[in-house]
N, C-alpha and C. Protein backbone atom coordinates (compact mmCIF):
# COMPACT_ATOMS: atom_id res chain seq x y z
N MET A 1 163.46 5.82 -58.01
CA MET A 1 162.50 5.18 -57.10
C MET A 1 163.29 4.38 -56.05
N ALA A 2 162.97 4.58 -54.79
CA ALA A 2 163.67 3.88 -53.70
C ALA A 2 163.24 2.43 -53.67
N PRO A 3 164.19 1.51 -53.49
CA PRO A 3 163.79 0.09 -53.43
C PRO A 3 162.95 -0.16 -52.17
N ARG A 4 161.95 -1.01 -52.32
CA ARG A 4 161.07 -1.35 -51.18
C ARG A 4 161.76 -2.38 -50.32
N ASP A 5 161.61 -2.23 -49.00
CA ASP A 5 162.19 -3.20 -48.07
C ASP A 5 161.43 -4.51 -48.19
N LEU A 6 162.16 -5.61 -48.23
CA LEU A 6 161.52 -6.92 -48.25
C LEU A 6 161.07 -7.27 -46.84
N PRO A 7 159.94 -7.98 -46.69
CA PRO A 7 159.49 -8.36 -45.34
C PRO A 7 160.46 -9.38 -44.75
N SER A 8 160.58 -9.30 -43.44
CA SER A 8 161.45 -10.25 -42.74
C SER A 8 160.73 -11.60 -42.61
N ALA A 9 161.50 -12.58 -42.18
CA ALA A 9 160.92 -13.91 -41.95
C ALA A 9 159.84 -13.84 -40.86
N ASP A 10 160.09 -13.04 -39.84
CA ASP A 10 159.07 -12.90 -38.78
C ASP A 10 157.78 -12.26 -39.30
N ASP A 11 157.95 -11.24 -40.22
CA ASP A 11 156.76 -10.59 -40.79
C ASP A 11 155.94 -11.61 -41.56
N ILE A 12 156.63 -12.43 -42.38
CA ILE A 12 155.89 -13.45 -43.18
C ILE A 12 155.23 -14.46 -42.25
N ARG A 13 155.92 -14.89 -41.21
CA ARG A 13 155.35 -15.86 -40.29
C ARG A 13 154.08 -15.29 -39.63
N MET A 14 154.13 -14.05 -39.22
CA MET A 14 152.95 -13.42 -38.59
C MET A 14 151.79 -13.30 -39.58
N LEU A 15 152.13 -12.98 -40.84
CA LEU A 15 151.08 -12.85 -41.86
C LEU A 15 150.42 -14.20 -42.09
N VAL A 16 151.21 -15.27 -42.19
CA VAL A 16 150.65 -16.62 -42.39
C VAL A 16 149.77 -17.00 -41.21
N GLU A 17 150.24 -16.70 -39.99
CA GLU A 17 149.44 -17.05 -38.82
C GLU A 17 148.09 -16.32 -38.82
N ARG A 18 148.08 -15.05 -39.25
CA ARG A 18 146.82 -14.30 -39.30
C ARG A 18 145.86 -14.91 -40.32
N VAL A 19 146.43 -15.32 -41.46
CA VAL A 19 145.58 -15.93 -42.50
C VAL A 19 144.99 -17.23 -41.98
N ILE A 20 145.84 -18.05 -41.35
CA ILE A 20 145.35 -19.35 -40.84
C ILE A 20 144.30 -19.13 -39.77
N ASP A 21 144.54 -18.18 -38.85
CA ASP A 21 143.56 -17.89 -37.82
C ASP A 21 142.24 -17.44 -38.44
N GLY A 22 142.35 -16.61 -39.47
CA GLY A 22 141.15 -16.12 -40.13
C GLY A 22 140.35 -17.20 -40.78
N VAL A 23 141.05 -18.16 -41.41
CA VAL A 23 140.35 -19.30 -42.05
C VAL A 23 139.65 -20.12 -41.00
N GLY A 24 140.34 -20.36 -39.87
CA GLY A 24 139.76 -21.20 -38.82
C GLY A 24 138.54 -20.58 -38.19
N SER A 25 138.49 -19.25 -38.13
CA SER A 25 137.35 -18.60 -37.47
C SER A 25 136.27 -18.16 -38.44
N ALA A 26 136.49 -18.40 -39.73
CA ALA A 26 135.51 -18.00 -40.72
C ALA A 26 134.21 -18.75 -40.51
N PRO A 27 133.05 -18.09 -40.68
CA PRO A 27 131.77 -18.79 -40.51
C PRO A 27 131.62 -19.88 -41.55
N SER A 28 130.99 -20.99 -41.13
CA SER A 28 130.77 -22.08 -42.09
C SER A 28 129.79 -21.63 -43.14
N VAL A 29 129.96 -22.17 -44.33
CA VAL A 29 129.10 -21.82 -45.45
C VAL A 29 127.99 -22.85 -45.54
N SER A 30 126.76 -22.39 -45.52
CA SER A 30 125.64 -23.31 -45.62
C SER A 30 125.58 -23.90 -47.01
N PRO A 31 125.25 -25.18 -47.14
CA PRO A 31 125.14 -25.76 -48.46
C PRO A 31 124.02 -25.09 -49.24
N ALA A 32 124.17 -25.07 -50.56
CA ALA A 32 123.15 -24.46 -51.40
C ALA A 32 121.86 -25.26 -51.29
N GLU A 33 120.76 -24.60 -51.51
CA GLU A 33 119.49 -25.29 -51.53
C GLU A 33 119.52 -26.38 -52.60
N PRO A 34 119.02 -27.55 -52.27
CA PRO A 34 119.03 -28.61 -53.26
C PRO A 34 118.14 -28.28 -54.44
N THR A 35 118.49 -28.80 -55.58
CA THR A 35 117.71 -28.60 -56.79
C THR A 35 117.17 -29.95 -57.24
N ALA A 36 116.41 -29.93 -58.32
CA ALA A 36 115.88 -31.20 -58.82
C ALA A 36 117.00 -32.16 -59.16
N LYS A 37 118.16 -31.62 -59.57
CA LYS A 37 119.28 -32.49 -59.90
C LYS A 37 119.87 -33.12 -58.65
N ASP A 38 119.94 -32.30 -57.57
CA ASP A 38 120.59 -32.77 -56.36
C ASP A 38 119.73 -33.78 -55.60
N GLY A 39 118.44 -33.64 -55.70
CA GLY A 39 117.55 -34.46 -54.89
C GLY A 39 117.25 -33.77 -53.58
N CYS A 40 116.43 -34.40 -52.76
CA CYS A 40 115.96 -33.75 -51.55
C CYS A 40 116.83 -34.01 -50.36
N GLY A 41 117.82 -34.85 -50.47
CA GLY A 41 118.66 -35.17 -49.35
C GLY A 41 118.14 -36.33 -48.51
N CYS A 42 117.05 -36.98 -48.95
CA CYS A 42 116.49 -38.06 -48.16
C CYS A 42 116.87 -39.43 -48.74
N GLY A 43 117.80 -39.45 -49.64
CA GLY A 43 118.24 -40.73 -50.20
C GLY A 43 117.80 -40.94 -51.63
N CYS A 44 117.00 -40.04 -52.17
CA CYS A 44 116.52 -40.24 -53.54
C CYS A 44 117.45 -39.60 -54.56
N GLU A 45 118.56 -38.98 -54.09
CA GLU A 45 119.45 -38.31 -55.02
C GLU A 45 119.96 -39.28 -56.08
N GLY A 46 119.84 -38.84 -57.30
CA GLY A 46 120.38 -39.65 -58.38
C GLY A 46 119.52 -40.84 -58.77
N GLY A 47 118.47 -41.13 -58.00
CA GLY A 47 117.61 -42.25 -58.32
C GLY A 47 116.72 -41.93 -59.51
N ALA A 48 116.27 -42.99 -60.16
CA ALA A 48 115.45 -42.82 -61.34
C ALA A 48 114.07 -42.30 -61.01
N VAL A 49 113.52 -41.52 -61.92
CA VAL A 49 112.19 -40.96 -61.78
C VAL A 49 111.30 -41.61 -62.83
N ALA A 50 110.23 -42.26 -62.39
CA ALA A 50 109.23 -42.81 -63.34
C ALA A 50 108.27 -41.70 -63.72
N ILE A 51 107.92 -41.63 -65.00
CA ILE A 51 106.97 -40.60 -65.42
C ILE A 51 106.02 -41.21 -66.43
N GLY A 52 104.74 -40.90 -66.28
CA GLY A 52 103.75 -41.43 -67.18
C GLY A 52 102.55 -40.50 -67.27
N ALA A 53 101.80 -40.62 -68.34
CA ALA A 53 100.66 -39.73 -68.57
C ALA A 53 99.68 -40.37 -69.51
N ASP A 54 98.43 -39.90 -69.43
CA ASP A 54 97.47 -40.27 -70.46
C ASP A 54 97.61 -39.29 -71.62
N HIS A 55 96.68 -39.37 -72.58
CA HIS A 55 96.78 -38.52 -73.76
C HIS A 55 96.73 -37.04 -73.42
N GLY A 56 95.95 -36.69 -72.39
CA GLY A 56 95.84 -35.28 -71.99
C GLY A 56 97.12 -34.75 -71.36
N GLY A 57 97.86 -35.63 -70.72
CA GLY A 57 99.10 -35.22 -70.05
C GLY A 57 100.33 -35.46 -70.88
N PHE A 58 100.17 -36.06 -72.07
CA PHE A 58 101.33 -36.44 -72.86
C PHE A 58 102.28 -35.28 -73.18
N PRO A 59 101.76 -34.13 -73.68
CA PRO A 59 102.70 -33.04 -73.99
C PRO A 59 103.47 -32.57 -72.75
N LEU A 60 102.80 -32.49 -71.59
CA LEU A 60 103.50 -32.05 -70.38
C LEU A 60 104.50 -33.10 -69.93
N LYS A 61 104.13 -34.36 -70.06
CA LYS A 61 105.09 -35.44 -69.71
C LYS A 61 106.35 -35.31 -70.53
N GLU A 62 106.21 -35.06 -71.81
CA GLU A 62 107.40 -34.93 -72.66
C GLU A 62 108.27 -33.78 -72.22
N ARG A 63 107.64 -32.66 -71.91
CA ARG A 63 108.42 -31.47 -71.51
C ARG A 63 109.10 -31.70 -70.15
N LEU A 64 108.37 -32.27 -69.19
CA LEU A 64 108.97 -32.51 -67.87
C LEU A 64 110.06 -33.56 -67.95
N GLY A 65 109.86 -34.59 -68.77
CA GLY A 65 110.89 -35.60 -68.93
C GLY A 65 112.16 -34.99 -69.48
N PHE A 66 112.01 -34.12 -70.46
CA PHE A 66 113.19 -33.44 -71.04
C PHE A 66 113.90 -32.62 -69.98
N ARG A 67 113.14 -31.84 -69.19
CA ARG A 67 113.76 -30.99 -68.18
C ARG A 67 114.45 -31.82 -67.11
N LEU A 68 113.84 -32.94 -66.75
CA LEU A 68 114.47 -33.81 -65.74
C LEU A 68 115.80 -34.40 -66.25
N ARG A 69 115.78 -34.85 -67.50
CA ARG A 69 117.03 -35.38 -68.07
C ARG A 69 118.07 -34.29 -68.17
N GLU A 70 117.63 -33.11 -68.54
CA GLU A 70 118.53 -31.96 -68.65
C GLU A 70 119.13 -31.64 -67.28
N ALA A 71 118.37 -31.89 -66.22
CA ALA A 71 118.85 -31.63 -64.85
C ALA A 71 119.71 -32.77 -64.31
N GLY A 72 119.92 -33.79 -65.14
CA GLY A 72 120.80 -34.87 -64.74
C GLY A 72 120.10 -36.08 -64.15
N ARG A 73 118.76 -36.10 -64.20
CA ARG A 73 118.00 -37.21 -63.66
C ARG A 73 117.87 -38.35 -64.68
N THR A 74 117.84 -39.57 -64.17
CA THR A 74 117.48 -40.72 -64.99
C THR A 74 115.97 -40.81 -65.01
N VAL A 75 115.38 -40.89 -66.19
CA VAL A 75 113.93 -40.87 -66.34
C VAL A 75 113.47 -42.21 -66.97
N VAL A 76 112.52 -42.84 -66.33
CA VAL A 76 111.91 -44.05 -66.90
C VAL A 76 110.54 -43.66 -67.40
N ASP A 77 110.36 -43.68 -68.71
CA ASP A 77 109.12 -43.26 -69.36
C ASP A 77 108.15 -44.43 -69.41
N CYS A 78 107.01 -44.25 -68.74
CA CYS A 78 106.00 -45.31 -68.68
C CYS A 78 104.89 -45.09 -69.72
N GLY A 79 105.08 -44.15 -70.65
CA GLY A 79 104.06 -43.87 -71.64
C GLY A 79 103.02 -42.87 -71.12
N THR A 80 102.08 -42.58 -71.92
CA THR A 80 101.81 -42.93 -73.28
C THR A 80 102.74 -42.20 -74.25
N ASP A 81 102.63 -42.54 -75.50
CA ASP A 81 103.60 -42.02 -76.47
C ASP A 81 102.97 -41.09 -77.51
N SER A 82 101.72 -40.68 -77.30
CA SER A 82 101.07 -39.77 -78.27
C SER A 82 99.85 -39.16 -77.61
N THR A 83 99.14 -38.35 -78.37
CA THR A 83 97.90 -37.74 -77.87
C THR A 83 96.67 -38.56 -78.23
N GLU A 84 96.91 -39.77 -78.73
CA GLU A 84 95.78 -40.67 -79.01
C GLU A 84 95.14 -41.10 -77.70
N ALA A 85 93.81 -41.12 -77.65
CA ALA A 85 93.08 -41.37 -76.41
C ALA A 85 93.45 -42.72 -75.79
N VAL A 86 93.77 -42.68 -74.48
CA VAL A 86 94.10 -43.88 -73.71
C VAL A 86 93.44 -43.73 -72.34
N ASP A 87 93.61 -44.72 -71.48
CA ASP A 87 93.02 -44.70 -70.15
C ASP A 87 94.09 -44.40 -69.10
N TYR A 88 93.87 -43.34 -68.33
CA TYR A 88 94.90 -42.92 -67.36
C TYR A 88 95.24 -43.98 -66.31
N PRO A 89 94.27 -44.88 -65.90
CA PRO A 89 94.68 -45.84 -64.88
C PRO A 89 95.86 -46.73 -65.29
N ASP A 90 95.95 -47.03 -66.59
CA ASP A 90 97.06 -47.89 -67.04
C ASP A 90 98.42 -47.22 -66.77
N PHE A 91 98.50 -45.95 -66.99
CA PHE A 91 99.80 -45.25 -66.92
C PHE A 91 100.12 -44.82 -65.48
N ALA A 92 99.11 -44.44 -64.74
CA ALA A 92 99.34 -44.12 -63.31
C ALA A 92 99.76 -45.37 -62.55
N ARG A 93 99.16 -46.49 -62.89
CA ARG A 93 99.55 -47.77 -62.24
C ARG A 93 100.99 -48.14 -62.60
N ALA A 94 101.35 -47.97 -63.88
CA ALA A 94 102.71 -48.29 -64.30
C ALA A 94 103.75 -47.46 -63.53
N VAL A 95 103.46 -46.16 -63.37
CA VAL A 95 104.36 -45.30 -62.61
C VAL A 95 104.45 -45.78 -61.15
N ALA A 96 103.29 -46.01 -60.55
CA ALA A 96 103.25 -46.41 -59.14
C ALA A 96 103.99 -47.73 -58.92
N GLU A 97 103.83 -48.66 -59.84
CA GLU A 97 104.50 -49.96 -59.66
C GLU A 97 106.02 -49.84 -59.80
N LYS A 98 106.48 -48.93 -60.62
CA LYS A 98 107.94 -48.70 -60.73
C LYS A 98 108.49 -48.21 -59.39
N VAL A 99 107.72 -47.37 -58.70
CA VAL A 99 108.15 -46.85 -57.40
C VAL A 99 108.02 -47.94 -56.33
N ALA A 100 106.91 -48.63 -56.33
CA ALA A 100 106.69 -49.67 -55.31
C ALA A 100 107.73 -50.78 -55.40
N SER A 101 108.17 -51.09 -56.61
CA SER A 101 109.16 -52.16 -56.79
C SER A 101 110.57 -51.72 -56.44
N GLY A 102 110.78 -50.41 -56.32
CA GLY A 102 112.09 -49.88 -56.04
C GLY A 102 112.91 -49.58 -57.28
N GLU A 103 112.36 -49.89 -58.45
CA GLU A 103 113.10 -49.59 -59.69
C GLU A 103 113.31 -48.07 -59.82
N CYS A 104 112.32 -47.30 -59.37
CA CYS A 104 112.43 -45.84 -59.38
C CYS A 104 112.20 -45.35 -57.96
N VAL A 105 112.88 -44.28 -57.60
CA VAL A 105 112.74 -43.78 -56.22
C VAL A 105 111.51 -42.91 -56.05
N VAL A 106 111.11 -42.26 -57.11
CA VAL A 106 109.89 -41.45 -57.10
C VAL A 106 109.22 -41.52 -58.47
N GLY A 107 107.97 -41.04 -58.53
CA GLY A 107 107.26 -41.08 -59.79
C GLY A 107 106.40 -39.85 -60.00
N ILE A 108 106.07 -39.60 -61.26
CA ILE A 108 105.21 -38.49 -61.62
C ILE A 108 104.19 -39.00 -62.60
N ALA A 109 102.90 -38.83 -62.28
CA ALA A 109 101.80 -39.27 -63.15
C ALA A 109 100.95 -38.06 -63.51
N ILE A 110 100.60 -37.95 -64.78
CA ILE A 110 99.89 -36.76 -65.26
C ILE A 110 98.66 -37.18 -66.03
N ASP A 111 97.56 -36.52 -65.74
CA ASP A 111 96.36 -36.63 -66.59
C ASP A 111 95.72 -35.23 -66.64
N GLY A 112 94.48 -35.15 -67.05
CA GLY A 112 93.87 -33.84 -67.22
C GLY A 112 93.77 -33.04 -65.93
N ALA A 113 93.32 -33.72 -64.86
CA ALA A 113 93.15 -33.03 -63.57
C ALA A 113 94.09 -33.54 -62.51
N GLY A 114 94.69 -34.69 -62.72
CA GLY A 114 95.60 -35.29 -61.75
C GLY A 114 94.93 -36.06 -60.64
N ILE A 115 93.60 -35.98 -60.60
CA ILE A 115 92.86 -36.63 -59.50
C ILE A 115 92.78 -38.14 -59.69
N GLY A 116 92.38 -38.55 -60.89
CA GLY A 116 92.24 -39.97 -61.15
C GLY A 116 93.56 -40.70 -61.02
N SER A 117 94.64 -40.11 -61.52
CA SER A 117 95.95 -40.76 -61.40
C SER A 117 96.37 -40.89 -59.95
N CYS A 118 96.01 -39.92 -59.13
CA CYS A 118 96.32 -39.99 -57.69
C CYS A 118 95.55 -41.14 -57.05
N MET A 119 94.29 -41.28 -57.41
CA MET A 119 93.49 -42.39 -56.85
C MET A 119 94.06 -43.73 -57.22
N VAL A 120 94.44 -43.88 -58.49
CA VAL A 120 95.00 -45.15 -58.96
C VAL A 120 96.32 -45.45 -58.26
N ALA A 121 97.22 -44.48 -58.23
CA ALA A 121 98.55 -44.71 -57.66
C ALA A 121 98.45 -45.11 -56.19
N ASN A 122 97.50 -44.54 -55.47
CA ASN A 122 97.38 -44.84 -54.04
C ASN A 122 96.78 -46.23 -53.80
N LYS A 123 96.33 -46.91 -54.84
CA LYS A 123 95.88 -48.30 -54.69
C LYS A 123 97.05 -49.29 -54.69
N VAL A 124 98.22 -48.81 -55.10
CA VAL A 124 99.39 -49.70 -55.17
C VAL A 124 100.11 -49.67 -53.81
N PRO A 125 100.24 -50.81 -53.14
CA PRO A 125 100.88 -50.84 -51.83
C PRO A 125 102.29 -50.25 -51.86
N GLY A 126 102.56 -49.42 -50.88
CA GLY A 126 103.88 -48.81 -50.77
C GLY A 126 103.95 -47.43 -51.40
N VAL A 127 102.87 -47.05 -52.07
CA VAL A 127 102.86 -45.74 -52.74
C VAL A 127 102.07 -44.74 -51.93
N ARG A 128 102.64 -43.55 -51.80
CA ARG A 128 101.94 -42.42 -51.17
C ARG A 128 101.91 -41.31 -52.20
N ALA A 129 100.82 -41.28 -52.97
CA ALA A 129 100.71 -40.32 -54.08
C ALA A 129 100.01 -39.06 -53.59
N ALA A 130 100.44 -37.92 -54.17
CA ALA A 130 99.84 -36.64 -53.80
C ALA A 130 99.61 -35.81 -55.05
N LEU A 131 98.40 -35.28 -55.16
CA LEU A 131 98.08 -34.33 -56.23
C LEU A 131 98.53 -32.95 -55.75
N CYS A 132 99.41 -32.33 -56.49
CA CYS A 132 99.91 -31.00 -56.11
C CYS A 132 99.61 -30.00 -57.21
N TYR A 133 99.19 -28.81 -56.79
CA TYR A 133 98.78 -27.81 -57.74
C TYR A 133 99.48 -26.48 -57.51
N ASP A 134 100.34 -26.42 -56.49
CA ASP A 134 101.15 -25.22 -56.25
C ASP A 134 102.38 -25.65 -55.45
N LEU A 135 103.25 -24.67 -55.18
CA LEU A 135 104.50 -25.00 -54.49
C LEU A 135 104.25 -25.40 -53.05
N SER A 136 103.24 -24.81 -52.43
CA SER A 136 102.94 -25.15 -51.04
C SER A 136 102.49 -26.59 -50.89
N SER A 137 101.58 -27.02 -51.77
CA SER A 137 101.13 -28.42 -51.68
C SER A 137 102.26 -29.37 -52.02
N ALA A 138 103.17 -28.98 -52.92
CA ALA A 138 104.32 -29.82 -53.26
C ALA A 138 105.22 -30.00 -52.04
N ARG A 139 105.55 -28.89 -51.36
CA ARG A 139 106.42 -28.99 -50.18
C ARG A 139 105.74 -29.80 -49.08
N ASN A 140 104.47 -29.53 -48.86
CA ASN A 140 103.74 -30.21 -47.77
C ASN A 140 103.67 -31.72 -48.00
N SER A 141 103.42 -32.12 -49.23
CA SER A 141 103.29 -33.56 -49.51
C SER A 141 104.58 -34.31 -49.28
N ARG A 142 105.70 -33.65 -49.47
CA ARG A 142 107.00 -34.31 -49.24
C ARG A 142 107.38 -34.24 -47.77
N GLU A 143 107.30 -33.06 -47.21
CA GLU A 143 107.78 -32.86 -45.84
C GLU A 143 106.88 -33.55 -44.83
N HIS A 144 105.58 -33.48 -44.99
CA HIS A 144 104.67 -34.03 -44.00
C HIS A 144 104.23 -35.45 -44.31
N ASN A 145 104.03 -35.75 -45.61
CA ASN A 145 103.43 -37.03 -45.98
C ASN A 145 104.39 -38.01 -46.65
N HIS A 146 105.62 -37.59 -46.87
CA HIS A 146 106.65 -38.42 -47.49
C HIS A 146 106.13 -39.00 -48.81
N ALA A 147 105.45 -38.16 -49.60
CA ALA A 147 104.91 -38.62 -50.87
C ALA A 147 106.03 -39.12 -51.78
N ASN A 148 105.76 -40.24 -52.43
CA ASN A 148 106.75 -40.77 -53.37
C ASN A 148 106.24 -40.77 -54.81
N VAL A 149 105.00 -40.38 -55.01
CA VAL A 149 104.47 -40.17 -56.36
C VAL A 149 103.76 -38.82 -56.38
N LEU A 150 104.07 -38.04 -57.37
CA LEU A 150 103.47 -36.71 -57.60
C LEU A 150 102.49 -36.84 -58.78
N THR A 151 101.27 -36.36 -58.59
CA THR A 151 100.35 -36.34 -59.72
C THR A 151 100.03 -34.89 -60.06
N LEU A 152 99.91 -34.64 -61.36
CA LEU A 152 99.70 -33.29 -61.87
C LEU A 152 98.51 -33.27 -62.82
N GLY A 153 97.80 -32.18 -62.85
CA GLY A 153 96.70 -31.98 -63.79
C GLY A 153 97.14 -31.05 -64.92
N ALA A 154 97.39 -31.64 -66.07
CA ALA A 154 97.90 -30.85 -67.18
C ALA A 154 96.90 -29.80 -67.66
N GLY A 155 95.61 -30.08 -67.43
CA GLY A 155 94.59 -29.12 -67.85
C GLY A 155 94.40 -27.98 -66.87
N LEU A 156 95.05 -28.05 -65.71
CA LEU A 156 94.81 -27.06 -64.65
C LEU A 156 96.01 -26.15 -64.42
N ILE A 157 97.19 -26.61 -64.79
CA ILE A 157 98.37 -25.78 -64.53
C ILE A 157 99.19 -25.67 -65.81
N GLY A 158 99.93 -24.58 -65.94
CA GLY A 158 100.78 -24.36 -67.10
C GLY A 158 102.11 -25.09 -66.96
N ASP A 159 102.85 -25.11 -68.06
CA ASP A 159 104.12 -25.81 -68.08
C ASP A 159 105.12 -25.23 -67.07
N GLY A 160 105.14 -23.90 -66.97
CA GLY A 160 106.09 -23.26 -66.07
C GLY A 160 105.83 -23.63 -64.63
N LEU A 161 104.58 -23.57 -64.20
CA LEU A 161 104.25 -23.92 -62.83
C LEU A 161 104.48 -25.41 -62.60
N ALA A 162 104.15 -26.24 -63.57
CA ALA A 162 104.36 -27.68 -63.42
C ALA A 162 105.83 -27.98 -63.12
N TRP A 163 106.74 -27.34 -63.84
CA TRP A 163 108.16 -27.58 -63.61
C TRP A 163 108.59 -27.07 -62.25
N GLN A 164 108.07 -25.91 -61.85
CA GLN A 164 108.39 -25.39 -60.52
C GLN A 164 107.92 -26.35 -59.43
N ILE A 165 106.73 -26.92 -59.62
CA ILE A 165 106.20 -27.89 -58.65
C ILE A 165 107.11 -29.12 -58.59
N VAL A 166 107.52 -29.62 -59.75
CA VAL A 166 108.40 -30.80 -59.79
C VAL A 166 109.72 -30.50 -59.08
N GLU A 167 110.31 -29.35 -59.37
CA GLU A 167 111.58 -28.99 -58.72
C GLU A 167 111.41 -28.89 -57.22
N GLU A 168 110.36 -28.23 -56.79
CA GLU A 168 110.11 -28.06 -55.35
C GLU A 168 109.86 -29.40 -54.69
N TRP A 169 109.09 -30.21 -55.35
CA TRP A 169 108.73 -31.53 -54.80
C TRP A 169 109.97 -32.40 -54.63
N LEU A 170 110.81 -32.42 -55.64
CA LEU A 170 112.02 -33.26 -55.57
C LEU A 170 113.04 -32.70 -54.57
N ALA A 171 113.05 -31.41 -54.38
CA ALA A 171 114.07 -30.79 -53.52
C ALA A 171 113.67 -30.77 -52.06
N THR A 172 112.39 -30.96 -51.75
CA THR A 172 111.93 -30.87 -50.36
C THR A 172 112.21 -32.16 -49.62
N PRO A 173 112.96 -32.09 -48.51
CA PRO A 173 113.25 -33.32 -47.77
C PRO A 173 112.08 -33.77 -46.92
N TRP A 174 112.07 -35.04 -46.66
CA TRP A 174 111.12 -35.66 -45.76
C TRP A 174 111.37 -35.12 -44.36
N GLY A 175 110.30 -34.67 -43.71
CA GLY A 175 110.45 -34.03 -42.42
C GLY A 175 110.69 -34.96 -41.25
N GLU A 176 110.28 -36.22 -41.38
CA GLU A 176 110.37 -37.21 -40.30
C GLU A 176 109.80 -36.62 -39.00
N GLY A 177 110.46 -36.83 -37.87
CA GLY A 177 109.99 -36.29 -36.60
C GLY A 177 108.53 -36.61 -36.32
N ARG A 178 107.76 -35.59 -36.03
CA ARG A 178 106.36 -35.79 -35.63
C ARG A 178 105.51 -36.35 -36.76
N HIS A 179 105.98 -36.24 -38.01
CA HIS A 179 105.21 -36.76 -39.14
C HIS A 179 105.40 -38.27 -39.33
N ALA A 180 106.47 -38.81 -38.78
CA ALA A 180 106.83 -40.20 -39.03
C ALA A 180 105.75 -41.16 -38.53
N ARG A 181 105.20 -40.86 -37.35
CA ARG A 181 104.19 -41.77 -36.78
C ARG A 181 102.97 -41.85 -37.69
N ARG A 182 102.56 -40.69 -38.24
CA ARG A 182 101.35 -40.67 -39.08
C ARG A 182 101.59 -41.33 -40.42
N VAL A 183 102.78 -41.15 -40.97
CA VAL A 183 103.10 -41.83 -42.23
C VAL A 183 103.18 -43.33 -41.99
N ALA A 184 103.69 -43.74 -40.83
CA ALA A 184 103.73 -45.16 -40.49
C ALA A 184 102.31 -45.73 -40.43
N MET A 185 101.35 -44.92 -39.97
CA MET A 185 99.95 -45.38 -39.93
C MET A 185 99.41 -45.57 -41.33
N ILE A 186 99.82 -44.68 -42.27
CA ILE A 186 99.41 -44.85 -43.68
C ILE A 186 99.96 -46.16 -44.22
N ASP A 187 101.25 -46.38 -43.98
CA ASP A 187 101.90 -47.59 -44.51
C ASP A 187 101.31 -48.85 -43.88
N ALA A 188 100.85 -48.74 -42.64
CA ALA A 188 100.26 -49.89 -41.97
C ALA A 188 98.98 -50.37 -42.67
N LEU A 189 98.29 -49.44 -43.32
CA LEU A 189 97.08 -49.83 -44.06
C LEU A 189 97.42 -50.82 -45.17
N ASP A 190 98.56 -50.60 -45.84
CA ASP A 190 98.97 -51.54 -46.87
C ASP A 190 99.23 -52.92 -46.29
N ARG A 191 99.94 -52.95 -45.15
CA ARG A 191 100.24 -54.25 -44.53
C ARG A 191 98.96 -54.95 -44.07
N ASP A 192 98.02 -54.17 -43.50
CA ASP A 192 96.76 -54.77 -43.06
C ASP A 192 96.00 -55.38 -44.22
N ARG A 193 95.98 -54.67 -45.34
CA ARG A 193 95.27 -55.19 -46.52
C ARG A 193 95.93 -56.45 -47.06
N GLN A 194 97.27 -56.44 -47.03
CA GLN A 194 97.98 -57.61 -47.53
C GLN A 194 97.73 -58.83 -46.65
N HIS A 195 97.72 -58.61 -45.31
CA HIS A 195 97.46 -59.72 -44.39
C HIS A 195 96.03 -60.22 -44.54
N ALA A 196 95.08 -59.28 -44.75
CA ALA A 196 93.68 -59.66 -44.90
C ALA A 196 93.47 -60.51 -46.14
N GLY A 197 94.31 -60.31 -47.15
CA GLY A 197 94.16 -61.07 -48.39
C GLY A 197 94.93 -62.36 -48.40
N THR A 198 95.70 -62.61 -47.31
CA THR A 198 96.49 -63.85 -47.26
C THR A 198 95.70 -64.96 -46.59
N PRO A 199 95.51 -66.11 -47.27
CA PRO A 199 94.77 -67.21 -46.66
C PRO A 199 95.47 -67.73 -45.41
N SER A 200 94.72 -68.02 -44.34
CA SER A 200 95.34 -68.53 -43.10
C SER A 200 95.52 -70.03 -43.15
């Protein structure tokens, strides 16, 4: 077998230059879509998630809490702790207050239909709660309304869809732009109510 000629120094230099030029002109790689673990990119990454449910939502709360922890999220469990009958306003309020205080960046409240918990959470100043029942409503509530509390109806959706909604909701960034003025109007209602309740 004939020995192969070794490349010259000039050959190696040209090869290195071609590699470097190729790296410099390579198209940039888009970041992967955020997941529930990554957060939505709006500053809630890594922040704690408050989760609470009444007796009807308890099994789903347990499963979602497990999945969130498995995804690397810190979860603050606001109860309830069993399927024994309780009142949903207590637990929806607890979730909403964790978010309003800043202890948790977002919250999830679950009851049979998700409607009552949404009503309760929206009574807490600083909270923008949204009942979501599919991926579209989950995306819309985050992108357009900057929702910081998600409410779910355990009696209306299955476990698989509930987790998909949570993942989508957490991963969708706040749209800002044209939506910011309208969300500011929502937040202004809280300030107006607080001023109205302050003695002059």
